[in-house]
Every structure is written in C-alpha cells, then in structure tokens.
Amino acid sequence: QSIKGFQSNAFTGTGFSLTNAGEQSIQGFEFDGSVRPADGLNLSLALTYLDPKYDSFVGSAYGDISGTRPAGIPDLSVNMGATYTHEMASGSRAVFHVDYQYETPTQIIEGFTGFGNTPEARAFARGIAQNLKREVNSLNASISFGLPMGLEFGVWGRNLTNSKHLIALFDSVAQQGSISGYPNQPRTYGGSVRYKF
C-alpha cells in the first residue's frame, strides 16, 4: 500500500499539529483462519506482518523523519484463541474460552514537541521516543455455564500474564519537558450473571 498526502495529527501539549506527511508506504501480509478439529472445539489464528515507512515526511511536528518507521505499528501481531462448547443432555451447556494476543516491541510515538523547536531539541526528543517501546503479551480466559431456562453465569480473567505497557504517550498538557502516558489494563478477574427471556 502506498499513501500520498498522508496527514498526521500530533498533540503538542497545548493543541494539535495537523501536517501533511507526504508519502507513506506499507508492505506486509495478513492471515486469518479458523478450524474445528472436533465437535464443539473452535481454534482461530490471526497473524499480521507489516513493514511501514515514511517515504517523505519533512514537515512533521518532530522535524524531518523521512525514511523512518511510523510509530505504533508492530512488525508482527498475533491473535490466537480456542473455544470449547460442551452441550449436555439436560439442555445446559458449558463454554470454555482462551485467547492470546502478542505484538512485537514497537515505538509508541515518533517524538515529542515539549523539549523545544531547535534541531538539537527535536533530535533529543526523538531519541527519547525511540527508547519508549510497547510490547503486548496478554492472555485472557473465561468459563461460562448456561441453563435451559435462560440463566447463564461465568467467571473470566483478563491479561492473566499481567503484561504491562503504555497504550499511548504524549507531551504533558502545558508542562514543557514533561511526558504523560496511559497504561494498559492490569490483570483483572470478574464474574457475570445473565438471564435471557
């Protein structure tokens, strides 16, 4: 894929900087499939490999970043899951589900603007950004049990590996030289009760 006239919208700490990124190209492949090897068992796999590049991005909020990789796009993303449904003679059913998500380490943001507008300050900010990476490694699971009369209850766990990473990074609001970010959800457990009528 090749994009001409790509637009970038970067938060600067006091507002947004909308710029024309010139050209961006992406090469890669994607696979998405599922199989049912046995009654009640469904296995799925989604895999994406991407190799993006800013062919031309001279006027970015972080200076000339032509030839660099756009932030936030991992080389490899993998999602796999398994669901087993057991139907009982009474009409009840049990559902067991597990899924796993993995993303290779990737730079979260191209740079920061809150360190100054000189070429040296922009280079310094880009150096900081290059070392702030995100790696996703998350396992989720759930078990539910449904009765014929419509009552269903279950338990679930999210991010069972307790993977810790930042979802987003940005210049702190009106605090020059400061950076803020949003962390992912930590390991979480819970339960649910539903009734269908």
C-alpha atoms as a PDB file:
ATOM      1  CA  GLN A   1       0.000   0.000   0.000  1.00  0.00           C
ATOM      2  CA  SER A   2       1.217   3.491  -0.844  1.00  0.00           C
ATOM      3  CA  ILE A   3      -0.384   6.639   0.567  1.00  0.00           C
ATOM      4  CA  LYS A   4       0.262  10.083  -0.869  1.00  0.00           C
ATOM      5  CA  GLY A   5      -0.808  13.201   1.018  1.00  0.00           C
ATOM      6  CA  PHE A   6      -0.948  11.271   4.302  1.00  0.00           C
ATOM      7  CA  GLN A   7      -1.946  13.559   7.177  1.00  0.00           C
ATOM      8  CA  SER A   8      -0.562  13.403  10.702  1.00  0.00           C
ATOM      9  CA  ASN A   9      -2.208  14.916  13.769  1.00  0.00           C
ATOM     10  CA  ALA A  10       0.190  15.251  16.727  1.00  0.00           C
ATOM     11  CA  PHE A  11      -0.661  16.553  20.202  1.00  0.00           C
ATOM     12  CA  THR A  12       1.837  19.239  21.255  1.00  0.00           C
ATOM     13  CA  GLY A  13       0.822  19.702  24.880  1.00  0.00           C
ATOM     14  CA  THR A  14      -1.245  22.812  24.184  1.00  0.00           C
ATOM     15  CA  GLY A  15      -3.037  21.805  20.975  1.00  0.00           C
ATOM     16  CA  PHE A  16      -2.799  19.656  17.863  1.00  0.00           C
ATOM     17  CA  SER A  17      -0.438  19.987  14.921  1.00  0.00           C
ATOM     18  CA  LEU A  18      -2.048  18.799  11.667  1.00  0.00           C
ATOM     19  CA  THR A  19       0.598  18.295   8.971  1.00  0.00           C
ATOM     20  CA  ASN A  20       0.838  16.669   5.573  1.00  0.00           C
ATOM     21  CA  ALA A  21       3.217  13.744   5.843  1.00  0.00           C
ATOM     22  CA  GLY A  22       3.903  13.487   2.143  1.00  0.00           C
ATOM     23  CA  GLU A  23       4.185   9.786   1.361  1.00  0.00           C
ATOM     24  CA  GLN A  24       3.931   6.616   3.410  1.00  0.00           C
ATOM     25  CA  SER A  25       4.266   3.040   2.152  1.00  0.00           C
ATOM     26  CA  ILE A  26       3.464  -0.281   3.802  1.00  0.00           C
ATOM     27  CA  GLN A  27       4.395  -3.810   2.800  1.00  0.00           C
ATOM     28  CA  GLY A  28       3.335  -6.966   4.569  1.00  0.00           C
ATOM     29  CA  PHE A  29       0.861  -9.804   4.715  1.00  0.00           C
ATOM     30  CA  GLU A  30      -2.080 -10.957   6.792  1.00  0.00           C
ATOM     31  CA  PHE A  31      -3.524 -14.361   7.645  1.00  0.00           C
ATOM     32  CA  ASP A  32      -6.835 -15.034   9.340  1.00  0.00           C
ATOM     33  CA  GLY A  33      -8.203 -18.544   9.778  1.00  0.00           C
ATOM     34  CA  SER A  34     -10.171 -20.885  11.974  1.00  0.00           C
ATOM     35  CA  VAL A  35     -10.650 -24.623  12.177  1.00  0.00           C
ATOM     36  CA  ARG A  36     -12.939 -27.045  14.053  1.00  0.00           C
ATOM     37  CA  PRO A  37     -10.863 -30.182  14.681  1.00  0.00           C
ATOM     38  CA  ALA A  38     -13.524 -31.770  16.927  1.00  0.00           C
ATOM     39  CA  ASP A  39     -17.174 -31.308  17.853  1.00  0.00           C
ATOM     40  CA  GLY A  40     -17.591 -28.182  19.940  1.00  0.00           C
ATOM     41  CA  LEU A  41     -13.956 -27.042  19.545  1.00  0.00           C
ATOM     42  CA  ASN A  42     -13.066 -23.974  17.504  1.00  0.00           C
ATOM     43  CA  LEU A  43      -9.480 -22.770  17.047  1.00  0.00           C
ATOM     44  CA  SER A  44      -8.603 -19.415  15.478  1.00  0.00           C
ATOM     45  CA  LEU A  45      -5.426 -17.649  14.408  1.00  0.00           C
ATOM     46  CA  ALA A  46      -4.884 -14.149  13.045  1.00  0.00           C
ATOM     47  CA  LEU A  47      -1.380 -13.025  12.092  1.00  0.00           C
ATOM     48  CA  THR A  48      -0.234  -9.725  10.577  1.00  0.00           C
ATOM     49  CA  TYR A  49       3.258  -8.712   9.474  1.00  0.00           C
ATOM     50  CA  LEU A  50       3.816  -5.070   8.450  1.00  0.00           C
ATOM     51  CA  ASP A  51       6.840  -3.103   7.275  1.00  0.00           C
ATOM     52  CA  PRO A  52       5.775   0.576   7.038  1.00  0.00           C
ATOM     53  CA  LYS A  53       7.952   3.577   6.192  1.00  0.00           C
ATOM     54  CA  TYR A  54       7.613   7.315   5.856  1.00  0.00           C
ATOM     55  CA  ASP A  55       8.907   7.773   2.305  1.00  0.00           C
ATOM     56  CA  SER A  56       8.698  11.532   2.801  1.00  0.00           C
ATOM     57  CA  PHE A  57       7.780  13.415   5.981  1.00  0.00           C
ATOM     58  CA  VAL A  58       9.850  16.602   6.020  1.00  0.00           C
ATOM     59  CA  GLY A  59       7.482  18.882   7.922  1.00  0.00           C
ATOM     60  CA  SER A  60       6.454  16.698  10.842  1.00  0.00           C
ATOM     61  CA  ALA A  61       5.951  18.141  14.317  1.00  0.00           C
ATOM     62  CA  TYR A  62       9.237  16.397  15.230  1.00  0.00           C
ATOM     63  CA  GLY A  63      11.342  17.568  12.285  1.00  0.00           C
ATOM     64  CA  ASP A  64      12.303  15.613   9.166  1.00  0.00           C
ATOM     65  CA  ILE A  65      11.545  11.936   9.837  1.00  0.00           C
ATOM     66  CA  SER A  66      11.641  10.774   6.217  1.00  0.00           C
ATOM     67  CA  GLY A  67      12.824   7.183   5.899  1.00  0.00           C
ATOM     68  CA  THR A  68      11.780   6.230   9.442  1.00  0.00           C
ATOM     69  CA  ARG A  69       9.153   3.751  10.585  1.00  0.00           C
ATOM     70  CA  PRO A  70       5.773   5.153  11.691  1.00  0.00           C
ATOM     71  CA  ALA A  71       5.256   4.637  15.415  1.00  0.00           C
ATOM     72  CA  GLY A  72       2.582   2.402  16.880  1.00  0.00           C
ATOM     73  CA  ILE A  73       2.739  -0.271  14.163  1.00  0.00           C
ATOM     74  CA  PRO A  74       4.363  -3.523  15.369  1.00  0.00           C
ATOM     75  CA  ASP A  75       6.291  -5.775  12.989  1.00  0.00           C
ATOM     76  CA  LEU A  76       4.221  -8.769  13.982  1.00  0.00           C
ATOM     77  CA  SER A  77       0.794  -9.080  15.594  1.00  0.00           C
ATOM     78  CA  VAL A  78      -0.614 -12.469  16.588  1.00  0.00           C
ATOM     79  CA  ASN A  79      -4.050 -13.303  17.962  1.00  0.00           C
ATOM     80  CA  MET A  80      -4.973 -16.903  18.711  1.00  0.00           C
ATOM     81  CA  GLY A  81      -7.915 -18.375  20.508  1.00  0.00           C
ATOM     82  CA  ALA A  82      -9.718 -21.563  21.416  1.00  0.00           C
ATOM     83  CA  THR A  83     -13.363 -22.060  22.369  1.00  0.00           C
ATOM     84  CA  TYR A  84     -14.864 -25.361  23.507  1.00  0.00           C
ATOM     85  CA  THR A  85     -18.613 -25.725  23.936  1.00  0.00           C
ATOM     86  CA  HIS A  86     -19.972 -28.787  25.733  1.00  0.00           C
ATOM     87  CA  GLU A  87     -23.666 -29.482  25.257  1.00  0.00           C
ATOM     88  CA  MET A  88     -25.283 -31.570  27.984  1.00  0.00           C
ATOM     89  CA  ALA A  89     -28.242 -33.942  27.701  1.00  0.00           C
ATOM     90  CA  SER A  90     -30.225 -31.720  30.097  1.00  0.00           C
ATOM     91  CA  GLY A  91     -30.006 -28.824  27.649  1.00  0.00           C
ATOM     92  CA  SER A  92     -27.366 -26.995  29.689  1.00  0.00           C
ATOM     93  CA  ARG A  93     -24.083 -26.035  28.146  1.00  0.00           C
ATOM     94  CA  ALA A  94     -20.588 -25.089  29.298  1.00  0.00           C
ATOM     95  CA  VAL A  95     -18.306 -22.820  27.286  1.00  0.00           C
ATOM     96  CA  PHE A  96     -14.548 -22.623  27.851  1.00  0.00           C
ATOM     97  CA  HIS A  97     -12.624 -19.866  26.054  1.00  0.00           C
ATOM     98  CA  VAL A  98      -8.993 -18.746  25.988  1.00  0.00           C
ATOM     99  CA  ASP A  99      -7.264 -16.211  23.749  1.00  0.00           C
ATOM    100  CA  TYR A 100      -3.763 -14.807  23.492  1.00  0.00           C
ATOM    101  CA  GLN A 101      -2.531 -11.569  21.940  1.00  0.00           C
ATOM    102  CA  TYR A 102       1.086 -10.746  21.141  1.00  0.00           C
ATOM    103  CA  GLU A 103       2.692  -7.729  19.470  1.00  0.00           C
ATOM    104  CA  THR A 104       6.422  -7.358  18.933  1.00  0.00           C
ATOM    105  CA  PRO A 105       8.069  -4.345  20.632  1.00  0.00           C
ATOM    106  CA  THR A 106       7.284  -1.157  18.765  1.00  0.00           C
ATOM    107  CA  GLN A 107       7.998   2.542  19.220  1.00  0.00           C
ATOM    108  CA  ILE A 108       4.887   4.235  20.655  1.00  0.00           C
ATOM    109  CA  ILE A 109       5.362   7.781  19.316  1.00  0.00           C
ATOM    110  CA  GLU A 110       7.650   9.452  16.741  1.00  0.00           C
ATOM    111  CA  GLY A 111       8.806  12.177  19.133  1.00  0.00           C
ATOM    112  CA  PHE A 112       7.828  14.958  21.490  1.00  0.00           C
ATOM    113  CA  THR A 113       7.471  18.698  20.917  1.00  0.00           C
ATOM    114  CA  GLY A 114       7.726  19.892  24.520  1.00  0.00           C
ATOM    115  CA  PHE A 115      11.541  19.925  24.586  1.00  0.00           C
ATOM    116  CA  GLY A 116      11.951  22.873  22.210  1.00  0.00           C
ATOM    117  CA  ASN A 117      11.914  23.579  18.480  1.00  0.00           C
ATOM    118  CA  THR A 118      15.645  23.667  17.751  1.00  0.00           C
ATOM    119  CA  PRO A 119      17.102  20.809  15.654  1.00  0.00           C
ATOM    120  CA  GLU A 120      19.051  19.652  18.725  1.00  0.00           C
ATOM    121  CA  ALA A 121      15.939  19.619  20.934  1.00  0.00           C
ATOM    122  CA  ARG A 122      13.941  17.716  18.323  1.00  0.00           C
ATOM    123  CA  ALA A 123      16.733  15.160  17.910  1.00  0.00           C
ATOM    124  CA  PHE A 124      16.903  14.744  21.689  1.00  0.00           C
ATOM    125  CA  ALA A 125      13.121  14.210  21.878  1.00  0.00           C
ATOM    126  CA  ARG A 126      13.206  11.666  19.028  1.00  0.00           C
ATOM    127  CA  GLY A 127      15.975   9.802  20.882  1.00  0.00           C
ATOM    128  CA  ILE A 128      13.782   9.556  23.965  1.00  0.00           C
ATOM    129  CA  ALA A 129      10.841   8.340  21.879  1.00  0.00           C
ATOM    130  CA  GLN A 130      12.942   5.632  20.186  1.00  0.00           C
ATOM    131  CA  ASN A 131      13.621   4.045  23.582  1.00  0.00           C
ATOM    132  CA  LEU A 132       9.992   4.067  24.747  1.00  0.00           C
ATOM    133  CA  LYS A 133       8.505   0.905  23.268  1.00  0.00           C
ATOM    134  CA  ARG A 134       5.393  -1.177  23.784  1.00  0.00           C
ATOM    135  CA  GLU A 135       5.225  -4.993  23.765  1.00  0.00           C
ATOM    136  CA  VAL A 136       1.848  -6.696  24.136  1.00  0.00           C
ATOM    137  CA  ASN A 137       1.734 -10.159  25.703  1.00  0.00           C
ATOM    138  CA  SER A 138      -1.771 -10.768  27.032  1.00  0.00           C
ATOM    139  CA  LEU A 139      -3.720 -13.926  27.908  1.00  0.00           C
ATOM    140  CA  ASN A 140      -7.481 -13.946  28.580  1.00  0.00           C
ATOM    141  CA  ALA A 141      -9.743 -16.797  29.637  1.00  0.00           C
ATOM    142  CA  SER A 142     -13.358 -17.410  30.606  1.00  0.00           C
ATOM    143  CA  ILE A 143     -15.709 -20.198  31.661  1.00  0.00           C
ATOM    144  CA  SER A 144     -19.485 -19.907  31.466  1.00  0.00           C
ATOM    145  CA  PHE A 145     -22.370 -22.238  32.229  1.00  0.00           C
ATOM    146  CA  GLY A 146     -25.850 -21.815  30.783  1.00  0.00           C
ATOM    147  CA  LEU A 147     -29.125 -23.403  31.915  1.00  0.00           C
ATOM    148  CA  PRO A 148     -32.068 -24.176  29.578  1.00  0.00           C
ATOM    149  CA  MET A 149     -34.322 -21.690  31.370  1.00  0.00           C
ATOM    150  CA  GLY A 150     -32.087 -18.802  30.239  1.00  0.00           C
ATOM    151  CA  LEU A 151     -29.809 -18.281  33.233  1.00  0.00           C
ATOM    152  CA  GLU A 152     -26.104 -18.042  32.455  1.00  0.00           C
ATOM    153  CA  PHE A 153     -23.201 -17.367  34.785  1.00  0.00           C
ATOM    154  CA  GLY A 154     -19.456 -17.371  34.386  1.00  0.00           C
ATOM    155  CA  VAL A 155     -16.042 -16.215  35.521  1.00  0.00           C
ATOM    156  CA  TRP A 156     -13.323 -14.535  33.478  1.00  0.00           C
ATOM    157  CA  GLY A 157      -9.776 -13.270  33.723  1.00  0.00           C
ATOM    158  CA  ARG A 158      -8.153 -10.644  31.514  1.00  0.00           C
ATOM    159  CA  ASN A 159      -4.445 -10.047  30.996  1.00  0.00           C
ATOM    160  CA  LEU A 160      -3.594 -13.104  33.079  1.00  0.00           C
ATOM    161  CA  THR A 161       0.092 -12.646  32.192  1.00  0.00           C
ATOM    162  CA  ASN A 162      -0.130  -9.192  33.854  1.00  0.00           C
ATOM    163  CA  SER A 163       1.606  -7.688  30.830  1.00  0.00           C
ATOM    164  CA  LYS A 164       2.455  -4.037  31.479  1.00  0.00           C
ATOM    165  CA  HIS A 165       2.857  -1.489  28.711  1.00  0.00           C
ATOM    166  CA  LEU A 166       1.837   2.025  27.746  1.00  0.00           C
ATOM    167  CA  ILE A 167      -1.019   2.361  25.258  1.00  0.00           C
ATOM    168  CA  ALA A 168      -0.191   5.969  24.378  1.00  0.00           C
ATOM    169  CA  LEU A 169       2.452   8.638  25.092  1.00  0.00           C
ATOM    170  CA  PHE A 170       2.156  12.395  24.610  1.00  0.00           C
ATOM    171  CA  ASP A 171       3.535  15.743  25.731  1.00  0.00           C
ATOM    172  CA  SER A 172       2.026  16.645  29.111  1.00  0.00           C
ATOM    173  CA  VAL A 173      -0.584  19.387  28.984  1.00  0.00           C
ATOM    174  CA  ALA A 174       1.076  22.809  29.444  1.00  0.00           C
ATOM    175  CA  GLN A 175       4.165  21.276  31.124  1.00  0.00           C
ATOM    176  CA  GLN A 176       7.171  21.750  28.865  1.00  0.00           C
ATOM    177  CA  GLY A 177       9.729  18.955  29.076  1.00  0.00           C
ATOM    178  CA  SER A 178       7.254  16.548  30.668  1.00  0.00           C
ATOM    179  CA  ILE A 179       5.738  13.373  29.165  1.00  0.00           C
ATOM    180  CA  SER A 180       2.487  11.602  30.053  1.00  0.00           C
ATOM    181  CA  GLY A 181       1.071   8.225  29.067  1.00  0.00           C
ATOM    182  CA  TYR A 182      -1.812   5.814  29.502  1.00  0.00           C
ATOM    183  CA  PRO A 183      -1.068   2.304  30.852  1.00  0.00           C
ATOM    184  CA  ASN A 184      -2.898  -0.824  29.779  1.00  0.00           C
ATOM    185  CA  GLN A 185      -5.402  -2.613  31.989  1.00  0.00           C
ATOM    186  CA  PRO A 186      -3.676  -4.775  34.651  1.00  0.00           C
ATOM    187  CA  ARG A 187      -4.559  -8.372  35.467  1.00  0.00           C
ATOM    188  CA  THR A 188      -8.293  -8.393  36.187  1.00  0.00           C
ATOM    189  CA  TYR A 189     -10.747 -11.042  37.382  1.00  0.00           C
ATOM    190  CA  GLY A 190     -14.509 -10.952  37.389  1.00  0.00           C
ATOM    191  CA  GLY A 191     -17.790 -12.773  37.031  1.00  0.00           C
ATOM    192  CA  SER A 192     -21.033 -12.318  35.180  1.00  0.00           C
ATOM    193  CA  VAL A 193     -24.651 -13.396  35.507  1.00  0.00           C
ATOM    194  CA  ARG A 194     -27.099 -13.138  32.603  1.00  0.00           C
ATOM    195  CA  TYR A 195     -30.701 -14.082  32.108  1.00  0.00           C
ATOM    196  CA  LYS A 196     -32.299 -14.406  28.674  1.00  0.00           C
ATOM    197  CA  PHE A 197     -36.061 -14.246  28.327  1.00  0.00           C
END
